[in-house]
PDB file of N, CA and C in Angstrom:
ATOM      1  N   UNK A   1     -80.257 221.714  98.735  1.00  0.00           N
ATOM      2  CA  UNK A   1     -79.144 222.266  97.970  1.00  0.00           C
ATOM      3  C   UNK A   1     -78.118 222.918  98.901  1.00  0.00           C
ATOM      4  N   UNK A   2     -78.610 223.589  99.928  1.00  0.00           N
ATOM      5  CA  UNK A   2     -77.677 224.232 100.860  1.00  0.00           C
ATOM      6  C   UNK A   2     -76.831 223.201 101.607  1.00  0.00           C
ATOM      7  N   UNK A   3     -77.442 222.055 101.943  1.00  0.00           N
ATOM      8  CA  UNK A   3     -76.681 220.998 102.619  1.00  0.00           C
ATOM      9  C   UNK A   3     -75.587 220.457 101.706  1.00  0.00           C
ATOM     10  N   UNK A   4     -75.896 220.327 100.426  1.00  0.00           N
ATOM     11  CA  UNK A   4     -74.906 219.854  99.462  1.00  0.00           C
ATOM     12  C   UNK A   4     -73.765 220.856  99.339  1.00  0.00           C
ATOM     13  N   UNK A   5     -74.114 222.123  99.248  1.00  0.00           N
ATOM     14  CA  UNK A   5     -73.072 223.158  99.159  1.00  0.00           C
ATOM     15  C   UNK A   5     -72.188 223.163 100.404  1.00  0.00           C
ATOM     16  N   UNK A   6     -72.797 223.008 101.568  1.00  0.00           N
ATOM     17  CA  UNK A   6     -72.029 222.978 102.815  1.00  0.00           C
ATOM     18  C   UNK A   6     -71.099 221.767 102.846  1.00  0.00           C
ATOM     19  N   UNK A   7     -71.597 220.640 102.378  1.00  0.00           N
ATOM     20  CA  UNK A   7     -70.783 219.424 102.349  1.00  0.00           C
ATOM     21  C   UNK A   7     -69.604 219.582 101.392  1.00  0.00           C
ATOM     22  N   UNK A   8     -69.859 220.166 100.232  1.00  0.00           N
ATOM     23  CA  UNK A   8     -68.778 220.411  99.271  1.00  0.00           C
ATOM     24  C   UNK A   8     -67.752 221.382  99.838  1.00  0.00           C
ATOM     25  N   UNK A   9     -68.222 222.426 100.507  1.00  0.00           N
ATOM     26  CA  UNK A   9     -67.306 223.404 101.088  1.00  0.00           C
ATOM     27  C   UNK A   9     -66.440 222.764 102.163  1.00  0.00           C
ATOM     28  N   UNK A  10     -67.034 221.896 102.967  1.00  0.00           N
ATOM     29  CA  UNK A  10     -66.276 221.189 104.005  1.00  0.00           C
ATOM     30  C   UNK A  10     -65.166 220.352 103.371  1.00  0.00           C
ATOM     31  N   UNK A  11     -65.477 219.668 102.263  1.00  0.00           N
ATOM     32  CA  UNK A  11     -64.471 218.860 101.564  1.00  0.00           C
ATOM     33  C   UNK A  11     -63.370 219.747 100.996  1.00  0.00           C
ATOM     34  N   UNK A  12     -63.753 220.869 100.394  1.00  0.00           N
ATOM     35  CA  UNK A  12     -62.761 221.795  99.841  1.00  0.00           C
ATOM     36  C   UNK A  12     -61.872 222.370 100.938  1.00  0.00           C
ATOM     37  N   UNK A  13     -62.464 222.706 102.066  1.00  0.00           N
ATOM     38  CA  UNK A  13     -61.685 223.234 103.191  1.00  0.00           C
ATOM     39  C   UNK A  13     -60.678 222.197 103.679  1.00  0.00           C
ATOM     40  N   UNK A  14     -61.098 220.947 103.738  1.00  0.00           N
ATOM     41  CA  UNK A  14     -60.190 219.879 104.168  1.00  0.00           C
ATOM     42  C   UNK A  14     -59.038 219.721 103.171  1.00  0.00           C
ATOM     43  N   UNK A  15     -59.354 219.705 101.887  1.00  0.00           N
ATOM     44  CA  UNK A  15     -58.310 219.572 100.867  1.00  0.00           C
ATOM     45  C   UNK A  15     -57.321 220.729 100.919  1.00  0.00           C
ATOM     46  N   UNK A  16     -57.799 221.910 101.275  1.00  0.00           N
ATOM     47  CA  UNK A  16     -56.938 223.094 101.333  1.00  0.00           C
ATOM     48  C   UNK A  16     -55.894 222.997 102.446  1.00  0.00           C
ATOM     49  N   UNK A  17     -56.058 222.056 103.370  1.00  0.00           N
ATOM     50  CA  UNK A  17     -55.078 221.903 104.447  1.00  0.00           C
ATOM     51  C   UNK A  17     -53.827 221.167 103.976  1.00  0.00           C
ATOM     52  N   UNK A  18     -53.850 220.628 102.754  1.00  0.00           N
ATOM     53  CA  UNK A  18     -52.709 219.908 102.202  1.00  0.00           C
ATOM     54  C   UNK A  18     -51.987 220.772 101.181  1.00  0.00           C
ATOM     55  N   UNK A  19     -50.677 220.608 101.121  1.00  0.00           N
ATOM     56  CA  UNK A  19     -49.886 221.302 100.108  1.00  0.00           C
ATOM     57  C   UNK A  19     -49.312 220.263  99.149  1.00  0.00           C
ATOM     58  N   UNK A  20     -48.779 220.741  98.045  1.00  0.00           N
ATOM     59  CA  UNK A  20     -48.146 219.829  97.087  1.00  0.00           C
ATOM     60  C   UNK A  20     -47.009 219.062  97.756  1.00  0.00           C
ATOM     61  N   UNK A  21     -46.292 219.724  98.660  1.00  0.00           N
ATOM     62  CA  UNK A  21     -45.179 219.073  99.355  1.00  0.00           C
ATOM     63  C   UNK A  21     -45.652 217.908 100.221  1.00  0.00           C
ATOM     64  N   UNK A  22     -46.884 217.992 100.731  1.00  0.00           N
ATOM     65  CA  UNK A  22     -47.437 216.899 101.536  1.00  0.00           C
ATOM     66  C   UNK A  22     -47.678 215.651 100.694  1.00  0.00           C
ATOM     67  N   UNK A  23     -47.913 215.837  99.418  1.00  0.00           N
ATOM     68  CA  UNK A  23     -48.332 214.741  98.548  1.00  0.00           C
ATOM     69  C   UNK A  23     -47.211 214.255  97.637  1.00  0.00           C
ATOM     70  N   UNK A  24     -46.389 215.173  97.155  1.00  0.00           N
ATOM     71  CA  UNK A  24     -45.320 214.806  96.224  1.00  0.00           C
ATOM     72  C   UNK A  24     -44.430 213.715  96.810  1.00  0.00           C
ATOM     73  N   UNK A  25     -44.143 212.714  96.002  1.00  0.00           N
ATOM     74  CA  UNK A  25     -43.250 211.640  96.409  1.00  0.00           C
ATOM     75  C   UNK A  25     -43.919 210.518  97.181  1.00  0.00           C
ATOM     76  N   UNK A  26     -45.234 210.580  97.349  1.00  0.00           N
ATOM     77  CA  UNK A  26     -45.923 209.528  98.114  1.00  0.00           C
ATOM     78  C   UNK A  26     -46.512 208.439  97.225  1.00  0.00           C
ATOM     79  N   UNK A  27     -46.327 208.540  95.913  1.00  0.00           N
ATOM     80  CA  UNK A  27     -46.985 207.588  95.012  1.00  0.00           C
ATOM     81  C   UNK A  27     -46.556 206.140  95.245  1.00  0.00           C
ATOM     82  N   UNK A  28     -45.346 205.923  95.726  1.00  0.00           N
ATOM     83  CA  UNK A  28     -44.878 204.556  95.967  1.00  0.00           C
ATOM     84  C   UNK A  28     -45.095 204.088  97.407  1.00  0.00           C
ATOM     85  N   UNK A  29     -45.600 204.970  98.255  1.00  0.00           N
ATOM     86  CA  UNK A  29     -45.860 204.624  99.656  1.00  0.00           C
ATOM     87  C   UNK A  29     -46.922 203.521  99.716  1.00  0.00           C
ATOM     88  N   UNK A  30     -46.682 202.531 100.547  1.00  0.00           N
ATOM     89  CA  UNK A  30     -47.628 201.425 100.715  1.00  0.00           C
ATOM     90  C   UNK A  30     -48.619 201.796 101.818  1.00  0.00           C
ATOM     91  N   UNK A  31     -49.906 201.658 101.502  1.00  0.00           N
ATOM     92  CA  UNK A  31     -50.958 201.954 102.472  1.00  0.00           C
ATOM     93  C   UNK A  31     -51.816 200.707 102.680  1.00  0.00           C
ATOM     94  N   UNK A  32     -52.482 200.660 103.808  1.00  0.00           N
ATOM     95  CA  UNK A  32     -53.416 199.571 104.098  1.00  0.00           C
ATOM     96  C   UNK A  32     -54.828 200.089 103.915  1.00  0.00           C
ATOM     97  N   UNK A  33     -55.588 199.427 103.053  1.00  0.00           N
ATOM     98  CA  UNK A  33     -56.977 199.814 102.786  1.00  0.00           C
ATOM     99  C   UNK A  33     -57.828 198.556 102.696  1.00  0.00           C
ATOM    100  N   UNK A  34     -59.128 198.746 102.808  1.00  0.00           N
ATOM    101  CA  UNK A  34     -60.054 197.635 102.639  1.00  0.00           C
ATOM    102  C   UNK A  34     -60.641 197.755 101.237  1.00  0.00           C
ATOM    103  N   UNK A  35     -60.403 196.749 100.403  1.00  0.00           N
ATOM    104  CA  UNK A  35     -60.927 196.714  99.040  1.00  0.00           C
ATOM    105  C   UNK A  35     -61.787 195.462  98.911  1.00  0.00           C
ATOM    106  N   UNK A  36     -63.030 195.664  98.534  1.00  0.00           N
ATOM    107  CA  UNK A  36     -63.981 194.551  98.390  1.00  0.00           C
ATOM    108  C   UNK A  36     -64.051 193.719  99.666  1.00  0.00           C
ATOM    109  N   UNK A  37     -63.991 194.417 100.810  1.00  0.00           N
ATOM    110  CA  UNK A  37     -64.118 193.746 102.096  1.00  0.00           C
ATOM    111  C   UNK A  37     -62.867 193.064 102.603  1.00  0.00           C
ATOM    112  N   UNK A  38     -61.761 193.199 101.875  1.00  0.00           N
ATOM    113  CA  UNK A  38     -60.516 192.552 102.278  1.00  0.00           C
ATOM    114  C   UNK A  38     -59.461 193.599 102.593  1.00  0.00           C
ATOM    115  N   UNK A  39     -58.752 193.410 103.719  1.00  0.00           N
ATOM    116  CA  UNK A  39     -57.631 194.282 104.039  1.00  0.00           C
ATOM    117  C   UNK A  39     -56.536 194.039 103.018  1.00  0.00           C
ATOM    118  N   UNK A  40     -56.042 195.128 102.424  1.00  0.00           N
ATOM    119  CA  UNK A  40     -55.080 195.036 101.335  1.00  0.00           C
ATOM    120  C   UNK A  40     -53.989 196.073 101.528  1.00  0.00           C
ATOM    121  N   UNK A  41     -52.771 195.724 101.173  1.00  0.00           N
ATOM    122  CA  UNK A  41     -51.680 196.691 101.132  1.00  0.00           C
ATOM    123  C   UNK A  41     -51.406 196.990  99.670  1.00  0.00           C
ATOM    124  N   UNK A  42     -51.347 198.289  99.352  1.00  0.00           N
ATOM    125  CA  UNK A  42     -51.223 198.709  97.958  1.00  0.00           C
ATOM    126  C   UNK A  42     -50.491 200.045  97.907  1.00  0.00           C
ATOM    127  N   UNK A  43     -49.760 200.277  96.835  1.00  0.00           N
ATOM    128  CA  UNK A  43     -49.083 201.562  96.648  1.00  0.00           C
ATOM    129  C   UNK A  43     -50.127 202.647  96.395  1.00  0.00           C
ATOM    130  N   UNK A  44     -49.858 203.846  96.886  1.00  0.00           N
ATOM    131  CA  UNK A  44     -50.800 204.961  96.749  1.00  0.00           C
ATOM    132  C   UNK A  44     -51.194 205.173  95.291  1.00  0.00           C
ATOM    133  N   UNK A  45     -50.216 205.226  94.391  1.00  0.00           N
ATOM    134  CA  UNK A  45     -50.526 205.469  92.981  1.00  0.00           C
ATOM    135  C   UNK A  45     -51.423 204.376  92.414  1.00  0.00           C
ATOM    136  N   UNK A  46     -51.143 203.133  92.739  1.00  0.00           N
ATOM    137  CA  UNK A  46     -51.986 202.034  92.259  1.00  0.00           C
ATOM    138  C   UNK A  46     -53.396 202.153  92.815  1.00  0.00           C
ATOM    139  N   UNK A  47     -53.516 202.512  94.082  1.00  0.00           N
ATOM    140  CA  UNK A  47     -54.839 202.662  94.699  1.00  0.00           C
ATOM    141  C   UNK A  47     -55.637 203.764  94.010  1.00  0.00           C
ATOM    142  N   UNK A  48     -54.980 204.890  93.761  1.00  0.00           N
ATOM    143  CA  UNK A  48     -55.668 206.008  93.107  1.00  0.00           C
ATOM    144  C   UNK A  48     -56.094 205.628  91.692  1.00  0.00           C
ATOM    145  N   UNK A  49     -55.186 205.047  90.922  1.00  0.00           N
ATOM    146  CA  UNK A  49     -55.492 204.721  89.528  1.00  0.00           C
ATOM    147  C   UNK A  49     -56.474 203.562  89.379  1.00  0.00           C
ATOM    148  N   UNK A  50     -56.397 202.582  90.259  1.00  0.00           N
ATOM    149  CA  UNK A  50     -57.225 201.384  90.116  1.00  0.00           C
ATOM    150  C   UNK A  50     -58.539 201.448  90.887  1.00  0.00           C
ATOM    151  N   UNK A  51     -58.629 202.330  91.887  1.00  0.00           N
ATOM    152  CA  UNK A  51     -59.822 202.357  92.721  1.00  0.00           C
ATOM    153  C   UNK A  51     -60.471 203.733  92.828  1.00  0.00           C
ATOM    154  N   UNK A  52     -59.685 204.741  93.192  1.00  0.00           N
ATOM    155  CA  UNK A  52     -60.260 206.069  93.433  1.00  0.00           C
ATOM    156  C   UNK A  52     -60.817 206.673  92.147  1.00  0.00           C
ATOM    157  N   UNK A  53     -60.022 206.736  91.093  1.00  0.00           N
ATOM    158  CA  UNK A  53     -60.509 207.342  89.845  1.00  0.00           C
ATOM    159  C   UNK A  53     -61.706 206.597  89.263  1.00  0.00           C
ATOM    160  N   UNK A  54     -61.642 205.263  89.127  1.00  0.00           N
ATOM    161  CA  UNK A  54     -62.821 204.573  88.594  1.00  0.00           C
ATOM    162  C   UNK A  54     -64.074 204.805  89.449  1.00  0.00           C
ATOM    163  N   UNK A  55     -63.934 204.810  90.763  1.00  0.00           N
ATOM    164  CA  UNK A  55     -65.076 205.040  91.647  1.00  0.00           C
ATOM    165  C   UNK A  55     -65.637 206.448  91.455  1.00  0.00           C
ATOM    166  N   UNK A  56     -64.753 207.425  91.355  1.00  0.00           N
ATOM    167  CA  UNK A  56     -65.181 208.811  91.144  1.00  0.00           C
ATOM    168  C   UNK A  56     -65.959 208.938  89.832  1.00  0.00           C
ATOM    169  N   UNK A  57     -65.391 208.423  88.747  1.00  0.00           N
ATOM    170  CA  UNK A  57     -66.054 208.565  87.449  1.00  0.00           C
ATOM    171  C   UNK A  57     -67.344 207.752  87.366  1.00  0.00           C
ATOM    172  N   UNK A  58     -67.411 206.632  88.060  1.00  0.00           N
ATOM    173  CA  UNK A  58     -68.660 205.879  88.129  1.00  0.00           C
ATOM    174  C   UNK A  58     -69.760 206.750  88.730  1.00  0.00           C
ATOM    175  N   UNK A  59     -69.450 207.417  89.837  1.00  0.00           N
ATOM    176  CA  UNK A  59     -70.470 208.225  90.507  1.00  0.00           C
ATOM    177  C   UNK A  59     -70.829 209.478  89.711  1.00  0.00           C
ATOM    178  N   UNK A  60     -69.852 210.101  89.075  1.00  0.00           N
ATOM    179  CA  UNK A  60     -70.151 211.265  88.236  1.00  0.00           C
ATOM    180  C   UNK A  60     -71.040 210.848  87.068  1.00  0.00           C
ATOM    181  N   UNK A  61     -70.712 209.738  86.423  1.00  0.00           N
ATOM    182  CA  UNK A  61     -71.508 209.245  85.302  1.00  0.00           C
ATOM    183  C   UNK A  61     -72.914 208.876  85.747  1.00  0.00           C
ATOM    184  N   UNK A  62     -73.032 208.231  86.886  1.00  0.00           N
ATOM    185  CA  UNK A  62     -74.349 207.852  87.395  1.00  0.00           C
ATOM    186  C   UNK A  62     -75.196 209.083  87.694  1.00  0.00           C
ATOM    187  N   UNK A  63     -74.607 210.095  88.317  1.00  0.00           N
ATOM    188  CA  UNK A  63     -75.347 211.333  88.593  1.00  0.00           C
ATOM    189  C   UNK A  63     -75.789 211.988  87.287  1.00  0.00           C
ATOM    190  N   UNK A  64     -74.902 212.028  86.303  1.00  0.00           N
ATOM    191  CA  UNK A  64     -75.222 212.587  84.993  1.00  0.00           C
ATOM    192  C   UNK A  64     -76.389 211.831  84.359  1.00  0.00           C
ATOM    193  N   UNK A  65     -76.325 210.500  84.411  1.00  0.00           N
ATOM    194  CA  UNK A  65     -77.396 209.673  83.837  1.00  0.00           C
ATOM    195  C   UNK A  65     -78.733 209.911  84.529  1.00  0.00           C
ATOM    196  N   UNK A  66     -78.724 210.020  85.842  1.00  0.00           N
ATOM    197  CA  UNK A  66     -79.961 210.272  86.590  1.00  0.00           C
ATOM    198  C   UNK A  66     -80.540 211.631  86.210  1.00  0.00           C
ATOM    199  N   UNK A  67     -79.682 212.634  86.113  1.00  0.00           N
ATOM    200  CA  UNK A  67     -80.154 213.963  85.710  1.00  0.00           C
ATOM    201  C   UNK A  67     -80.777 213.917  84.322  1.00  0.00           C
ATOM    202  N   UNK A  68     -80.093 213.271  83.376  1.00  0.00           N
ATOM    203  CA  UNK A  68     -80.629 213.164  82.009  1.00  0.00           C
ATOM    204  C   UNK A  68     -81.956 212.410  81.998  1.00  0.00           C
ATOM    205  N   UNK A  69     -82.022 211.322  82.721  1.00  0.00           N
ATOM    206  CA  UNK A  69     -83.242 210.514  82.789  1.00  0.00           C
ATOM    207  C   UNK A  69     -84.421 211.335  83.309  1.00  0.00           C
ATOM    208  N   UNK A  70     -84.135 212.251  84.219  1.00  0.00           N
ATOM    209  CA  UNK A  70     -85.191 213.066  84.819  1.00  0.00           C
ATOM    210  C   UNK A  70     -85.433 214.371  84.070  1.00  0.00           C
ATOM    211  N   UNK A  71     -84.881 214.474  82.870  1.00  0.00           N
ATOM    212  CA  UNK A  71     -85.180 215.606  82.007  1.00  0.00           C
ATOM    213  C   UNK A  71     -84.356 216.855  82.222  1.00  0.00           C
ATOM    214  N   UNK A  72     -83.321 216.771  83.032  1.00  0.00           N
ATOM    215  CA  UNK A  72     -82.457 217.936  83.233  1.00  0.00           C
ATOM    216  C   UNK A  72     -81.626 218.117  81.966  1.00  0.00           C
ATOM    217  N   UNK A  73     -81.630 219.322  81.392  1.00  0.00           N
ATOM    218  CA  UNK A  73     -80.944 219.541  80.114  1.00  0.00           C
ATOM    219  C   UNK A  73     -79.422 219.672  80.270  1.00  0.00           C
ATOM    220  N   UNK A  74     -78.773 218.566  80.604  1.00  0.00           N
ATOM    221  CA  UNK A  74     -77.315 218.556  80.673  1.00  0.00           C
ATOM    222  C   UNK A  74     -76.795 217.794  79.465  1.00  0.00           C
ATOM    223  N   UNK A  75     -75.609 218.171  79.031  1.00  0.00           N
ATOM    224  CA  UNK A  75     -75.023 217.533  77.864  1.00  0.00           C
ATOM    225  C   UNK A  75     -73.568 217.195  78.095  1.00  0.00           C
ATOM    226  N   UNK A  76     -72.901 216.835  77.021  1.00  0.00           N
ATOM    227  CA  UNK A  76     -71.506 216.418  77.096  1.00  0.00           C
ATOM    228  C   UNK A  76     -70.625 217.509  77.701  1.00  0.00           C
ATOM    229  N   UNK A  77     -70.871 218.748  77.332  1.00  0.00           N
ATOM    230  CA  UNK A  77     -70.045 219.835  77.869  1.00  0.00           C
ATOM    231  C   UNK A  77     -70.209 219.977  79.377  1.00  0.00           C
ATOM    232  N   UNK A  78     -71.414 219.719  79.879  1.00  0.00           N
ATOM    233  CA  UNK A  78     -71.619 219.756  81.326  1.00  0.00           C
ATOM    234  C   UNK A  78     -70.848 218.625  82.002  1.00  0.00           C
ATOM    235  N   UNK A  79     -70.806 217.479  81.352  1.00  0.00           N
ATOM    236  CA  UNK A  79     -70.116 216.318  81.911  1.00  0.00           C
ATOM    237  C   UNK A  79     -68.607 216.522  81.892  1.00  0.00           C
ATOM    238  N   UNK A  80     -68.076 216.966  80.751  1.00  0.00           N
ATOM    239  CA  UNK A  80     -66.622 217.085  80.608  1.00  0.00           C
ATOM    240  C   UNK A  80     -66.071 218.393  81.151  1.00  0.00           C
ATOM    241  N   UNK A  81     -66.930 219.394  81.302  1.00  0.00           N
ATOM    242  CA  UNK A  81     -66.474 220.685  81.793  1.00  0.00           C
ATOM    243  C   UNK A  81     -65.769 221.517  80.742  1.00  0.00           C
ATOM    244  N   UNK A  82     -65.841 221.096  79.477  1.00  0.00           N
ATOM    245  CA  UNK A  82     -65.171 221.816  78.385  1.00  0.00           C
ATOM    246  C   UNK A  82     -66.148 222.754  77.711  1.00  0.00           C
TER     247      UNK A  82
END
């Protein structure tokens, strides 16, 4: 658990190095990424909406499912944060 917390803190610290000004206006910027093993050029907004968000929610859902399967009493409110 401590390793997980340290890893999360490292990610949060890295994100804190960026400001809104660093990100605003970059949605149309073309970036080069590897998608499904192929080098691809794609706009930042398209990459986030078509790849990053679905990948994130896949992993959150999978973790939630594993916890439920193993008897951890988590529910919809834990998943949605509401």
